[in-house]
Protein backbone atom coordinates (compact mmCIF):
# COMPACT_ATOMS: atom_id res chain seq x y z
CA MET A 1 249.92 78.44 27.72
CA PRO A 2 251.52 78.52 31.02
CA VAL A 3 249.56 79.73 33.87
CA GLN A 4 252.22 81.53 35.83
CA ALA A 5 251.11 84.86 34.63
CA LEU A 6 248.08 84.70 36.92
CA PHE A 7 250.40 83.78 39.97
CA LYS A 8 252.93 86.68 39.74
CA PRO A 9 252.83 88.90 42.65
CA PHE A 10 251.51 92.44 42.15
CA GLN A 11 252.49 95.78 43.82
CA LEU A 12 251.11 99.20 43.87
CA GLY A 13 252.62 101.28 46.60
CA ALA A 14 251.99 99.56 49.76
CA LEU A 15 249.56 97.15 48.26
CA GLU A 16 251.25 93.78 47.67
CA LEU A 17 249.11 91.00 46.26
CA PRO A 18 250.62 87.31 46.22
CA THR A 19 248.75 86.71 42.81
CA ARG A 20 246.89 88.42 40.03
CA VAL A 21 243.60 86.52 40.85
CA VAL A 22 240.91 88.76 42.04
CA MET A 23 237.51 87.70 43.50
CA ALA A 24 235.05 89.82 41.85
CA PRO A 25 232.22 91.38 44.09
CA MET A 26 229.16 89.25 43.99
CA THR A 27 225.80 90.06 46.00
CA ARG A 28 225.15 86.90 48.21
CA SER A 29 222.45 88.29 50.67
CA PHE A 30 223.71 85.91 53.42
CA SER A 31 224.04 88.72 56.20
CA PRO A 32 220.71 88.97 58.05
CA GLY A 33 220.38 92.31 59.90
CA GLY A 34 223.25 93.56 57.65
CA VAL A 35 225.93 91.76 59.81
CA PRO A 36 228.42 89.41 58.23
CA ASN A 37 228.34 86.26 60.20
CA SER A 38 230.63 83.12 60.53
CA LYS A 39 229.56 81.81 57.15
CA VAL A 40 230.36 84.73 55.50
CA ILE A 41 233.88 84.86 57.39
CA GLU A 42 234.50 81.31 56.19
CA TYR A 43 233.38 82.11 52.65
CA TYR A 44 235.99 84.71 51.94
CA ARG A 45 238.68 82.80 54.19
CA ARG A 46 238.60 79.85 51.92
CA ARG A 47 239.18 81.77 48.84
CA ALA A 48 242.27 83.56 50.25
CA ALA A 49 243.46 80.19 51.42
CA ALA A 50 243.36 78.82 47.84
CA GLY A 51 245.33 81.55 46.23
CA VAL A 52 243.16 84.56 45.50
CA GLY A 53 245.43 87.60 45.72
CA LEU A 54 242.62 90.23 46.43
CA ILE A 55 239.16 89.75 47.34
CA ILE A 56 236.70 92.40 46.66
CA THR A 57 233.68 91.88 49.02
CA GLU A 58 230.01 91.68 47.76
CA GLY A 59 228.54 95.27 47.73
CA THR A 60 228.23 96.67 51.08
CA THR A 61 225.90 99.68 51.81
CA VAL A 62 227.14 102.82 53.05
CA GLY A 63 225.36 104.77 55.90
CA HIS A 64 222.83 106.53 54.09
CA ILE A 65 218.90 105.91 54.68
CA ALA A 66 218.41 104.78 50.97
CA SER A 67 221.64 102.96 50.20
CA ASN A 68 220.24 99.53 50.29
CA GLY A 69 218.05 97.73 47.59
CA TYR A 70 218.03 94.00 48.86
CA PRO A 71 217.35 91.71 51.65
CA ASN A 72 220.19 90.52 53.98
CA VAL A 73 222.86 92.63 52.31
CA PRO A 74 225.74 93.42 54.39
CA GLN A 75 226.24 97.13 55.83
CA PHE A 76 229.56 98.80 56.07
CA PHE A 77 228.44 101.29 58.94
CA GLY A 78 227.43 100.49 62.65
CA ASP A 79 229.17 98.66 65.34
CA ALA A 80 228.05 95.15 64.71
CA PRO A 81 228.68 94.91 61.00
CA LEU A 82 232.17 96.64 61.26
CA ALA A 83 232.95 94.26 63.87
CA GLY A 84 231.84 91.48 61.44
CA TRP A 85 234.02 92.95 58.74
CA LYS A 86 237.01 93.06 61.10
CA LYS A 87 236.66 89.23 61.59
CA VAL A 88 236.42 88.67 57.89
CA VAL A 89 239.62 90.98 57.35
CA ASP A 90 241.65 89.07 59.94
CA ALA A 91 240.56 85.60 58.52
CA VAL A 92 241.66 86.71 55.07
CA HIS A 93 245.04 88.25 56.29
CA ALA A 94 245.78 85.06 58.24
CA GLU A 95 245.76 83.10 54.91
CA GLY A 96 248.05 85.57 53.17
CA GLY A 97 245.32 87.36 51.11
CA LYS A 98 244.30 90.89 50.81
CA ILE A 99 240.73 92.52 50.98
CA VAL A 100 238.87 95.47 50.04
CA PRO A 101 235.11 96.23 50.61
CA GLN A 102 232.96 97.22 47.83
CA LEU A 103 231.12 100.58 48.90
CA TRP A 104 227.71 100.61 47.19
CA HIS A 105 224.50 102.86 47.19
CA VAL A 106 221.94 101.31 44.95
CA GLY A 107 220.19 104.70 44.05
CA SER A 108 216.97 104.66 42.12
CA VAL A 109 216.99 100.86 42.12
CA ARG A 110 215.74 100.84 45.56
CA ARG A 111 211.88 100.11 46.03
CA ILE A 112 209.50 101.19 48.80
CA GLY A 113 209.26 98.32 51.27
CA THR A 114 213.08 97.54 51.35
CA GLU A 115 214.83 97.15 54.71
CA PRO A 116 216.12 98.80 56.89
CA ASP A 117 213.32 101.38 56.63
CA ALA A 118 210.48 100.32 54.51
CA SER A 119 209.02 103.79 54.20
CA VAL A 120 212.21 105.31 52.57
CA PRO A 121 211.78 105.91 48.88
CA ALA A 122 214.90 105.33 46.41
CA TYR A 123 217.14 108.35 45.85
CA GLY A 124 218.33 109.16 42.38
CA PRO A 125 219.72 112.05 40.30
CA SER A 126 216.14 112.97 38.97
CA GLU A 127 212.48 112.74 40.72
CA LYS A 128 210.24 110.03 39.46
CA LEU A 129 206.46 109.92 40.15
CA LYS A 130 204.29 106.79 39.88
CA ASP A 131 200.38 107.31 40.50
CA GLY A 132 201.26 110.37 42.33
CA GLN A 133 203.54 108.80 44.71
CA VAL A 134 207.48 109.76 44.89
CA VAL A 135 209.22 106.43 43.88
CA VAL A 136 212.37 108.10 43.45
CA HIS A 137 213.43 111.14 45.49
CA GLY A 138 215.43 113.61 43.37
CA MET A 139 218.60 114.36 45.37
CA SER A 140 219.03 117.82 46.81
CA LYS A 141 222.56 119.30 46.81
CA GLN A 142 222.57 118.58 50.65
CA ASP A 143 221.53 114.82 49.71
CA ILE A 144 224.62 114.65 47.37
CA GLN A 145 226.87 116.04 50.21
CA ASP A 146 225.20 113.45 52.66
CA VAL A 147 226.11 110.56 50.38
CA ILE A 148 229.40 111.69 49.71
CA ALA A 149 230.07 111.96 53.38
CA ALA A 150 228.69 108.27 53.89
CA PHE A 151 231.09 106.97 51.35
CA ALA A 152 234.08 108.78 52.84
CA GLN A 153 233.17 107.69 56.35
CA ALA A 154 233.00 103.90 55.14
CA ALA A 155 236.39 104.30 53.42
CA LYS A 156 237.77 105.66 56.84
CA ASP A 157 236.06 102.64 58.72
CA ALA A 158 237.67 100.35 56.17
CA GLN A 159 241.00 101.54 56.89
CA SER A 160 240.52 101.45 60.64
CA ILE A 161 239.67 97.97 60.67
CA GLY A 162 242.56 96.80 58.63
CA MET A 163 241.20 96.51 55.01
CA ASP A 164 243.66 96.89 52.16
CA GLY A 165 241.76 99.45 50.30
CA VAL A 166 238.18 100.22 48.97
CA GLU A 167 236.47 99.81 45.90
CA ILE A 168 233.72 102.34 44.80
CA HIS A 169 230.91 100.93 42.83
CA GLY A 170 230.21 103.19 40.03
CA ALA A 171 228.83 100.77 37.69
CA HIS A 172 225.80 98.72 36.43
CA GLY A 173 223.03 101.50 36.75
CA TYR A 174 223.39 102.07 40.63
CA LEU A 175 223.68 105.56 42.10
CA ILE A 176 227.00 106.74 40.77
CA ASP A 177 226.34 105.25 37.43
CA GLN A 178 222.89 106.94 37.37
CA PHE A 179 224.53 110.20 37.41
CA PHE A 180 226.94 109.41 34.67
CA TRP A 181 224.10 108.13 32.28
CA GLU A 182 221.97 110.74 30.42
CA GLY A 183 218.88 108.71 30.52
CA SER A 184 218.83 108.73 34.30
CA ASN A 185 220.41 112.19 34.92
CA GLN A 186 218.12 114.82 33.75
CA ARG A 187 219.37 117.47 36.29
CA SER A 188 219.71 121.05 35.11
CA ASP A 189 222.21 122.05 37.82
CA GLU A 190 226.13 121.39 37.58
CA TYR A 191 225.72 117.86 38.34
CA GLY A 192 223.56 117.22 35.03
CA GLY A 193 223.91 118.15 31.28
CA SER A 194 227.50 117.14 29.68
CA LEU A 195 229.23 113.96 30.73
CA ALA A 196 231.69 116.10 32.29
CA ASN A 197 228.92 117.68 34.66
CA ARG A 198 227.41 114.24 35.19
CA SER A 199 230.66 113.00 36.31
CA ARG A 200 230.88 115.65 38.95
CA PHE A 201 229.16 113.54 41.62
CA ALA A 202 231.57 110.76 41.13
CA ILE A 203 234.73 113.00 41.11
CA GLU A 204 233.77 114.86 44.22
CA LEU A 205 233.02 111.47 45.94
CA ILE A 206 236.34 110.04 45.10
CA GLN A 207 237.98 113.17 46.21
CA ALA A 208 236.34 112.92 49.46
CA VAL A 209 237.18 109.46 50.01
CA ARG A 210 240.94 110.29 49.20
CA ALA A 211 240.92 113.15 51.81
CA ALA A 212 239.39 110.65 54.46
CA VAL A 213 241.84 107.99 53.82
CA GLY A 214 245.16 110.11 52.92
CA GLU A 215 247.54 109.10 50.38
CA GLY A 216 248.76 105.57 49.86
CA PHE A 217 245.40 103.73 50.63
CA PRO A 218 244.27 102.18 47.47
CA ILE A 219 241.12 103.39 45.72
CA ILE A 220 239.72 101.04 43.25
CA PHE A 221 236.84 102.28 41.01
CA ARG A 222 234.46 100.04 39.15
CA PHE A 223 232.51 101.18 36.22
CA SER A 224 231.01 99.53 33.16
CA GLN A 225 229.70 100.82 29.67
CA TRP A 226 226.53 98.51 29.97
CA LYS A 227 223.79 98.75 32.47
CA GLN A 228 221.53 96.43 34.19
CA GLN A 229 218.63 98.14 32.54
CA ASP A 230 220.26 98.13 29.03
CA TYR A 231 222.91 95.60 28.20
CA THR A 232 223.58 97.29 24.93
CA ALA A 233 224.01 100.90 26.42
CA ARG A 234 227.33 102.67 25.78
CA LEU A 235 228.47 105.55 27.96
CA VAL A 236 231.20 106.50 25.46
CA GLN A 237 231.47 105.48 21.87
CA THR A 238 235.18 106.09 21.21
CA PRO A 239 238.61 105.62 22.79
CA GLU A 240 238.92 109.58 22.77
CA ALA A 241 235.59 109.97 24.70
CA LEU A 242 236.54 107.28 27.15
CA GLY A 243 239.88 109.00 27.91
CA GLU A 244 237.92 112.33 28.53
CA PHE A 245 235.67 110.41 30.83
CA LEU A 246 238.36 108.49 32.75
CA GLN A 247 241.10 111.09 33.31
CA PRO A 248 238.99 113.33 35.63
CA LEU A 249 238.34 110.27 37.83
CA SER A 250 241.91 109.17 37.72
CA ASP A 251 243.08 112.76 38.77
CA ALA A 252 240.44 112.57 41.41
CA GLY A 253 242.21 109.77 43.27
CA VAL A 254 241.49 106.53 41.69
CA ASP A 255 244.61 104.04 41.78
CA ILE A 256 243.04 101.12 40.08
CA PHE A 257 240.19 100.77 37.54
CA HIS A 258 238.09 97.84 37.61
CA CYS A 259 236.43 97.54 34.12
CA SER A 260 233.23 95.61 34.33
CA THR A 261 232.19 93.69 30.95
CA ARG A 262 230.21 90.63 30.28
CA ARG A 263 232.91 88.83 28.17
CA PHE A 264 236.49 89.86 28.82
CA TRP A 265 237.63 88.79 25.20
CA GLU A 266 235.32 91.21 23.38
CA PRO A 267 237.00 94.40 21.94
CA GLU A 268 235.79 97.60 23.17
CA PHE A 269 236.04 99.61 19.99
CA ASP A 270 236.27 98.74 16.31
CA GLY A 271 239.93 98.55 15.07
CA SER A 272 241.41 97.25 18.26
CA GLU A 273 241.73 93.99 19.99
CA LEU A 274 241.95 95.69 23.21
CA ASN A 275 239.09 95.14 25.82
CA LEU A 276 237.77 97.79 28.15
CA ALA A 277 240.49 97.14 30.76
CA GLY A 278 243.15 97.26 27.92
CA TRP A 279 241.91 100.66 26.71
CA THR A 280 241.53 101.95 30.23
CA ARG A 281 245.10 101.09 31.20
CA LYS A 282 246.37 102.59 28.00
CA LEU A 283 244.59 105.82 28.36
CA THR A 284 245.04 106.52 32.01
CA GLY A 285 248.44 104.71 32.72
CA LYS A 286 246.80 103.22 35.87
CA PRO A 287 246.48 99.50 36.69
CA THR A 288 243.36 97.61 35.51
CA ILE A 289 241.28 94.78 36.59
CA THR A 290 239.41 92.77 33.88
CA VAL A 291 236.45 90.77 34.29
CA GLY A 292 233.64 88.95 32.42
CA SER A 293 233.08 85.25 32.24
CA VAL A 294 236.70 84.28 33.09
CA GLY A 295 237.00 80.64 33.16
CA LEU A 296 233.48 79.73 32.06
CA ASP A 297 231.95 79.06 28.71
CA GLY A 298 228.48 80.79 29.38
CA GLU A 299 228.16 84.32 30.27
CA PHE A 300 226.18 85.36 33.29
CA LEU A 301 223.04 86.97 31.86
CA GLN A 302 221.94 83.44 31.16
CA PHE A 303 221.64 82.88 34.59
CA MET A 304 219.51 85.98 35.52
CA VAL A 305 216.52 83.92 34.79
CA ASN A 306 215.44 80.69 36.21
CA THR A 307 217.35 78.19 34.07
CA ASP A 308 218.75 74.75 34.24
CA LYS A 309 221.77 75.76 32.30
CA VAL A 310 225.23 75.08 33.40
CA ALA A 311 228.45 77.00 32.53
CA GLN A 312 231.18 74.64 32.13
CA PRO A 313 235.00 75.47 32.79
CA ALA A 314 236.58 76.94 29.74
CA SER A 315 240.12 77.67 28.42
CA LEU A 316 242.15 80.47 29.90
CA GLU A 317 244.43 80.72 26.94
CA ASN A 318 243.04 83.78 25.45
CA LEU A 319 243.00 85.51 28.91
CA LEU A 320 246.88 84.47 29.65
CA GLU A 321 247.85 85.89 26.21
CA ARG A 322 246.26 89.28 27.10
CA LEU A 323 247.81 89.18 30.63
CA ASN A 324 251.20 88.19 29.41
CA LYS A 325 250.97 91.17 26.96
CA GLU A 326 250.27 93.46 29.80
CA GLU A 327 246.88 94.43 28.27
CA PHE A 328 245.54 94.66 31.89
CA ASP A 329 247.20 93.82 35.48
CA LEU A 330 244.71 91.92 37.38
CA VAL A 331 241.86 89.36 36.62
CA ALA A 332 238.70 89.29 38.48
CA VAL A 333 236.86 85.88 38.61
CA GLY A 334 233.09 85.94 39.59
CA ARG A 335 230.84 82.84 39.29
CA ALA A 336 233.79 80.38 38.66
CA LEU A 337 235.02 81.34 42.31
CA LEU A 338 231.50 81.51 43.78
CA VAL A 339 230.89 77.77 43.03
CA ASP A 340 234.36 76.58 43.69
CA PRO A 341 236.61 78.09 46.41
CA ASP A 342 239.57 76.29 45.28
CA TRP A 343 239.39 77.48 41.42
CA ALA A 344 242.73 79.35 41.81
CA GLN A 345 244.56 76.41 43.47
CA LYS A 346 243.19 74.04 40.69
CA VAL A 347 244.33 76.35 37.93
CA ARG A 348 247.77 76.62 39.42
CA GLU A 349 248.14 72.82 39.74
CA GLY A 350 246.82 72.04 36.09
CA ARG A 351 243.81 70.40 37.73
CA GLU A 352 241.20 72.10 35.41
CA GLN A 353 239.36 68.75 35.01
CA ASP A 354 238.57 69.12 38.84
CA ILE A 355 236.98 72.74 38.49
CA LEU A 356 233.16 72.54 39.39
CA PRO A 357 230.74 73.78 36.82
CA PHE A 358 228.45 76.75 37.46
CA SER A 359 224.67 76.57 37.81
CA ARG A 360 222.16 78.67 39.27
CA GLU A 361 221.59 76.43 42.29
CA ALA A 362 225.21 77.65 43.42
CA LEU A 363 223.70 80.99 44.07
CA MET A 364 221.42 79.45 47.01
CA THR A 365 224.25 78.36 49.24
CA LEU A 366 227.50 79.88 50.68
CA VAL A 367 230.49 77.50 50.29
């Protein structure tokens, strides 16, 4: 199967990508004080230089007191972090690549003691107490508006430093996804109840981002059926329900859907070979990004625990067939790119035998 399909240009309005290869967002925690440094700049530059068309940065926290959940994660607010990101943008552009930040609020995943202010509890759709202490602050309507404003400001800042768009993180059991999910959203107001109501926070947030950046600045929205807390969870069970869930998000201003799955080759629903990105494209008419163990023979869950397992490079034949059939438009590569910055170039040149295998040790360094 010829690999040319991966290396055709892609255009959506003013966004022109040299290839269909996307770097998936991956938390790396190499930004002390929330500021991307010279190592981070070089990390992203190398991938653009080797043929990644679009880089989606690791999750970057928006300007809200409870947005962060992990040490050394980069911020997307404040003078020093934005100046650091501007250097990343300039380095990626100099190599002919495009880049968007993933804008992130972890919601109820945050723990007391987490930086930058250790006293701030998690914020989430519903309050949670443990031993009489508030571990998750149930968000008021003012809190909701504050978080929406933080995302809108981050998007505006992304535009002002030359980013090529933004990705809103609506997946994997973080704040926006916590509103979607009945298990974590027990609200009785207009932000709770039916899935349409539970989507209201995301819809208003997307609308605010669109208003902040104007028409023509790409908004990518990442969503998942599975959660970190429950890998078998399903937000919707049928294509019809998926369409009903996605259409309001699409109407609110999403240009591209980033459809997070663990294994891209798995059908999303019975009776069709289409994966989540395939169904999303069919239902919304919007371009989609597929993701999930691309180029590796072992999916990422095996590496969430201490293990000496190694994921070897795997055939791209199934992926290329689907891309040629236009099941989806873009392909996000995660761990294969994390361990091997030259992955795209090696694939393009038919040097699969030179691609580096992935092991947990790769997470410990930034190459």
